[in-house]
Amino acid sequence: MGRAAAHQFLGRHPGRWEIAYQEDNRAAAAFWRQAARDLVGIRWSGERRPVPDKPDAPPESWLSLTVPEK
């Protein structure tokens, strides 16, 4: 149900997206990676970035993808 909602939302708003999540949240990491694969195949990337103004926080994982117009 969650992936279907993500697909519907992102499908209605094509363009470049960046989605942040905590890598320690394994369910979120698996969810967003699979959602990206379902939407755009292998045309997505991921990177870790520091949390702004929170030097002691673990870095966030960022997923970047471009949802094409239909």
N, C-alpha and C. Protein backbone atom coordinates (compact mmCIF):
# COMPACT_ATOMS: atom_id res chain seq x y z
N MET A 1 0.81 -1.19 0.00
CA MET A 1 0.00 0.00 0.00
C MET A 1 0.86 1.26 0.00
N GLY A 2 1.94 1.27 0.78
CA GLY A 2 2.81 2.45 0.85
C GLY A 2 3.49 2.74 -0.47
N ARG A 3 4.01 1.68 -1.13
CA ARG A 3 4.68 1.91 -2.42
C ARG A 3 3.68 2.37 -3.46
N ALA A 4 2.47 1.84 -3.42
CA ALA A 4 1.44 2.27 -4.38
C ALA A 4 1.15 3.76 -4.19
N ALA A 5 1.07 4.21 -2.95
CA ALA A 5 0.83 5.63 -2.68
C ALA A 5 2.00 6.48 -3.16
N ALA A 6 3.23 6.02 -2.93
CA ALA A 6 4.41 6.76 -3.39
C ALA A 6 4.41 6.84 -4.92
N HIS A 7 4.07 5.74 -5.59
CA HIS A 7 4.03 5.73 -7.06
C HIS A 7 2.97 6.70 -7.58
N GLN A 8 1.80 6.69 -6.96
CA GLN A 8 0.74 7.60 -7.39
C GLN A 8 1.16 9.05 -7.21
N PHE A 9 1.70 9.36 -6.05
CA PHE A 9 2.09 10.74 -5.77
C PHE A 9 3.19 11.20 -6.71
N LEU A 10 4.27 10.43 -6.79
CA LEU A 10 5.39 10.83 -7.64
C LEU A 10 4.99 10.83 -9.11
N GLY A 11 4.14 9.90 -9.51
CA GLY A 11 3.67 9.86 -10.89
C GLY A 11 2.86 11.09 -11.27
N ARG A 12 2.19 11.68 -10.31
CA ARG A 12 1.39 12.90 -10.56
C ARG A 12 2.25 14.15 -10.56
N HIS A 13 3.48 14.02 -10.09
CA HIS A 13 4.39 15.17 -9.98
C HIS A 13 5.74 14.81 -10.61
N PRO A 14 5.77 14.67 -11.93
CA PRO A 14 7.02 14.29 -12.58
C PRO A 14 8.09 15.36 -12.39
N GLY A 15 9.32 14.94 -12.52
CA GLY A 15 10.44 15.85 -12.38
C GLY A 15 11.49 15.25 -11.47
N ARG A 16 12.42 16.10 -11.05
CA ARG A 16 13.54 15.67 -10.21
C ARG A 16 13.11 15.63 -8.75
N TRP A 17 13.45 14.54 -8.09
CA TRP A 17 13.12 14.34 -6.68
C TRP A 17 14.37 13.95 -5.91
N GLU A 18 14.46 14.44 -4.68
CA GLU A 18 15.47 14.00 -3.73
C GLU A 18 14.73 13.65 -2.44
N ILE A 19 14.94 12.43 -1.97
CA ILE A 19 14.22 11.92 -0.81
C ILE A 19 15.25 11.50 0.23
N ALA A 20 15.10 12.03 1.44
CA ALA A 20 16.04 11.72 2.52
C ALA A 20 15.43 10.72 3.49
N TYR A 21 16.29 9.86 4.04
CA TYR A 21 15.87 8.91 5.06
C TYR A 21 17.11 8.51 5.85
N GLN A 22 16.90 7.95 7.02
CA GLN A 22 18.00 7.46 7.84
C GLN A 22 18.31 6.01 7.46
N GLU A 23 19.56 5.75 7.16
CA GLU A 23 19.98 4.40 6.76
C GLU A 23 19.71 3.38 7.87
N ASP A 24 19.78 3.83 9.13
CA ASP A 24 19.51 2.93 10.25
C ASP A 24 18.07 2.43 10.25
N ASN A 25 17.19 3.15 9.60
CA ASN A 25 15.80 2.72 9.47
C ASN A 25 15.74 1.80 8.25
N ARG A 26 16.02 0.53 8.48
CA ARG A 26 16.14 -0.44 7.38
C ARG A 26 14.87 -0.53 6.55
N ALA A 27 13.73 -0.41 7.19
CA ALA A 27 12.46 -0.49 6.45
C ALA A 27 12.34 0.70 5.49
N ALA A 28 12.70 1.89 5.94
CA ALA A 28 12.63 3.08 5.07
C ALA A 28 13.63 2.95 3.92
N ALA A 29 14.84 2.49 4.22
CA ALA A 29 15.86 2.33 3.18
C ALA A 29 15.38 1.35 2.11
N ALA A 30 14.86 0.21 2.53
CA ALA A 30 14.37 -0.79 1.57
C ALA A 30 13.18 -0.26 0.79
N PHE A 31 12.27 0.43 1.48
CA PHE A 31 11.08 0.98 0.85
C PHE A 31 11.45 1.94 -0.27
N TRP A 32 12.29 2.95 0.03
CA TRP A 32 12.59 3.97 -0.96
C TRP A 32 13.44 3.44 -2.11
N ARG A 33 14.36 2.53 -1.83
CA ARG A 33 15.15 1.95 -2.92
C ARG A 33 14.26 1.14 -3.86
N GLN A 34 13.35 0.36 -3.30
CA GLN A 34 12.46 -0.43 -4.15
C GLN A 34 11.49 0.48 -4.91
N ALA A 35 10.99 1.51 -4.26
CA ALA A 35 10.09 2.45 -4.94
C ALA A 35 10.81 3.11 -6.11
N ALA A 36 12.08 3.48 -5.92
CA ALA A 36 12.85 4.10 -7.00
C ALA A 36 13.04 3.11 -8.15
N ARG A 37 13.39 1.86 -7.82
CA ARG A 37 13.57 0.84 -8.87
C ARG A 37 12.27 0.62 -9.64
N ASP A 38 11.16 0.57 -8.92
CA ASP A 38 9.87 0.36 -9.57
C ASP A 38 9.52 1.51 -10.50
N LEU A 39 9.86 2.74 -10.10
CA LEU A 39 9.50 3.92 -10.89
C LEU A 39 10.42 4.17 -12.07
N VAL A 40 11.73 4.05 -11.85
CA VAL A 40 12.67 4.47 -12.90
C VAL A 40 13.75 3.43 -13.20
N GLY A 41 13.58 2.21 -12.74
CA GLY A 41 14.58 1.17 -13.01
C GLY A 41 15.89 1.49 -12.32
N ILE A 42 16.96 1.49 -13.09
CA ILE A 42 18.29 1.74 -12.50
C ILE A 42 18.69 3.21 -12.60
N ARG A 43 17.80 4.06 -13.07
CA ARG A 43 18.13 5.48 -13.26
C ARG A 43 17.88 6.30 -12.00
N TRP A 44 18.51 5.91 -10.91
CA TRP A 44 18.46 6.67 -9.67
C TRP A 44 19.82 6.55 -9.01
N SER A 45 20.09 7.43 -8.07
CA SER A 45 21.37 7.38 -7.36
C SER A 45 21.12 7.64 -5.88
N GLY A 46 22.09 7.26 -5.09
CA GLY A 46 22.00 7.47 -3.66
C GLY A 46 23.32 7.98 -3.12
N GLU A 47 23.25 8.78 -2.09
CA GLU A 47 24.46 9.27 -1.43
C GLU A 47 24.15 9.59 0.02
N ARG A 48 25.19 9.69 0.82
CA ARG A 48 25.04 10.06 2.23
C ARG A 48 25.50 11.50 2.37
N ARG A 49 24.73 12.27 3.14
CA ARG A 49 25.04 13.69 3.37
C ARG A 49 24.94 13.99 4.85
N PRO A 50 25.80 14.90 5.34
CA PRO A 50 25.67 15.30 6.74
C PRO A 50 24.35 16.05 6.96
N VAL A 51 23.85 15.95 8.17
CA VAL A 51 22.63 16.67 8.53
C VAL A 51 23.01 18.11 8.84
N PRO A 52 22.43 19.09 8.14
CA PRO A 52 22.79 20.49 8.38
C PRO A 52 22.56 20.89 9.84
N ASP A 53 23.53 21.60 10.38
CA ASP A 53 23.45 22.15 11.74
C ASP A 53 23.35 21.09 12.83
N LYS A 54 23.65 19.83 12.50
CA LYS A 54 23.63 18.76 13.50
C LYS A 54 24.87 17.88 13.31
N PRO A 55 26.03 18.39 13.71
CA PRO A 55 27.27 17.65 13.44
C PRO A 55 27.36 16.30 14.15
N ASP A 56 26.60 16.10 15.22
CA ASP A 56 26.65 14.83 15.94
C ASP A 56 25.65 13.80 15.42
N ALA A 57 24.78 14.21 14.52
CA ALA A 57 23.77 13.29 13.97
C ALA A 57 24.41 12.41 12.89
N PRO A 58 23.95 11.17 12.78
CA PRO A 58 24.47 10.33 11.69
C PRO A 58 24.05 10.93 10.34
N PRO A 59 24.84 10.72 9.31
CA PRO A 59 24.47 11.28 8.01
C PRO A 59 23.16 10.69 7.50
N GLU A 60 22.47 11.49 6.70
CA GLU A 60 21.24 11.02 6.07
C GLU A 60 21.58 10.38 4.74
N SER A 61 20.77 9.43 4.33
CA SER A 61 20.86 8.87 2.99
C SER A 61 19.90 9.65 2.11
N TRP A 62 20.35 10.00 0.92
CA TRP A 62 19.53 10.74 -0.04
C TRP A 62 19.42 9.94 -1.31
N LEU A 63 18.23 9.80 -1.79
CA LEU A 63 17.94 9.10 -3.04
C LEU A 63 17.52 10.16 -4.05
N SER A 64 18.13 10.16 -5.23
CA SER A 64 17.81 11.14 -6.28
C SER A 64 17.30 10.40 -7.50
N LEU A 65 16.20 10.90 -8.06
CA LEU A 65 15.63 10.30 -9.26
C LEU A 65 14.84 11.34 -10.02
N THR A 66 14.62 11.07 -11.29
CA THR A 66 13.78 11.92 -12.11
C THR A 66 12.62 11.08 -12.61
N VAL A 67 11.42 11.50 -12.25
CA VAL A 67 10.21 10.81 -12.68
C VAL A 67 9.79 11.42 -14.01
N PRO A 68 9.72 10.60 -15.07
CA PRO A 68 9.37 11.15 -16.38
C PRO A 68 7.89 11.49 -16.48
N GLU A 69 7.58 12.42 -17.37
CA GLU A 69 6.18 12.72 -17.65
C GLU A 69 5.60 11.59 -18.47
N LYS A 70 4.34 11.33 -18.28
CA LYS A 70 3.69 10.25 -19.04
C LYS A 70 3.06 10.78 -20.29
